[in-house]
């Protein structure tokens, strides 16, 4: 058996960087594409649930939840699209 593959070759998949978020196929907006994107989404969802539960619907404090949940994925998306 002549196997000339390099046993230490991890392929070009490791060198190719995928964006964490990408455009949805159906509908509007962006969705997670990699495990990092899903992790960011899960952390932001947990943050929104915890803070929303603690402040119990007070509107000014609700901005503390809404702004990061919207801004963080947009910032990551804009940094990775450069």
Protein backbone atom coordinates (compact mmCIF):
# COMPACT_ATOMS: atom_id res chain seq x y z
CA UNK A 1 0.00 0.00 0.00
CA UNK A 2 1.52 3.29 -1.14
CA UNK A 3 0.13 6.00 1.11
CA UNK A 4 1.98 9.24 0.37
CA UNK A 5 -0.25 11.49 2.47
CA UNK A 6 1.42 13.51 5.18
CA UNK A 7 0.22 12.23 8.57
CA UNK A 8 0.58 15.73 10.03
CA UNK A 9 -1.35 17.47 7.25
CA UNK A 10 -4.52 18.97 8.70
CA UNK A 11 -5.74 20.25 5.34
CA UNK A 12 -6.59 23.77 4.29
CA UNK A 13 -9.66 23.80 6.51
CA UNK A 14 -7.55 24.98 9.44
CA UNK A 15 -6.02 27.81 7.43
CA UNK A 16 -9.33 28.94 5.96
CA UNK A 17 -11.23 31.18 8.36
CA UNK A 18 -14.99 30.94 8.22
CA UNK A 19 -17.11 33.86 9.39
CA UNK A 20 -18.99 33.16 12.62
CA UNK A 21 -22.20 34.66 11.23
CA UNK A 22 -23.57 34.56 7.70
CA UNK A 23 -26.59 35.64 5.74
CA UNK A 24 -29.68 33.46 6.16
CA UNK A 25 -30.98 31.49 3.21
CA UNK A 26 -34.59 32.28 4.05
CA UNK A 27 -35.74 35.50 5.67
CA UNK A 28 -33.75 38.51 6.70
CA UNK A 29 -30.68 38.93 8.84
CA UNK A 30 -27.73 36.80 9.82
CA UNK A 31 -27.39 33.53 11.66
CA UNK A 32 -24.54 31.60 13.27
CA UNK A 33 -22.41 29.48 10.92
CA UNK A 34 -19.72 27.99 13.20
CA UNK A 35 -19.53 26.72 16.75
CA UNK A 36 -18.14 30.13 17.80
CA UNK A 37 -21.22 31.85 16.38
CA UNK A 38 -23.52 29.45 18.20
CA UNK A 39 -21.54 30.02 21.43
CA UNK A 40 -21.87 33.81 21.12
CA UNK A 41 -25.60 33.42 20.42
CA UNK A 42 -26.08 31.15 23.46
CA UNK A 43 -24.16 33.52 25.76
CA UNK A 44 -26.18 36.52 24.58
CA UNK A 45 -29.46 34.61 24.98
CA UNK A 46 -28.50 33.59 28.53
CA UNK A 47 -27.51 37.21 29.27
CA UNK A 48 -30.86 38.49 27.97
CA UNK A 49 -32.84 35.93 30.00
CA UNK A 50 -30.93 36.54 33.24
CA UNK A 51 -30.96 40.33 33.05
CA UNK A 52 -34.57 40.41 31.84
CA UNK A 53 -35.60 38.25 34.78
CA UNK A 54 -33.70 40.36 37.30
CA UNK A 55 -35.04 43.74 36.14
CA UNK A 56 -38.61 42.46 35.67
CA UNK A 57 -39.61 44.65 32.74
CA UNK A 58 -38.34 48.09 33.81
CA UNK A 59 -37.85 49.90 30.52
CA UNK A 60 -34.64 51.95 31.03
CA UNK A 61 -32.77 48.89 32.27
CA UNK A 62 -34.15 46.87 29.37
CA UNK A 63 -31.76 48.81 27.12
CA UNK A 64 -28.91 47.08 28.95
CA UNK A 65 -30.25 43.84 27.52
CA UNK A 66 -31.32 44.94 24.06
CA UNK A 67 -28.24 46.87 22.98
CA UNK A 68 -25.59 44.16 23.59
CA UNK A 69 -27.80 41.43 22.15
CA UNK A 70 -28.12 43.42 18.92
CA UNK A 71 -24.68 45.06 18.81
CA UNK A 72 -22.30 42.17 19.59
CA UNK A 73 -23.15 39.96 16.57
CA UNK A 74 -23.13 43.01 14.29
CA UNK A 75 -19.71 44.05 15.54
CA UNK A 76 -18.32 40.52 15.10
CA UNK A 77 -19.81 40.33 11.60
CA UNK A 78 -18.32 43.69 10.56
CA UNK A 79 -14.86 42.78 11.92
CA UNK A 80 -14.83 39.43 10.12
CA UNK A 81 -16.02 40.84 6.80
CA UNK A 82 -12.87 42.96 6.39
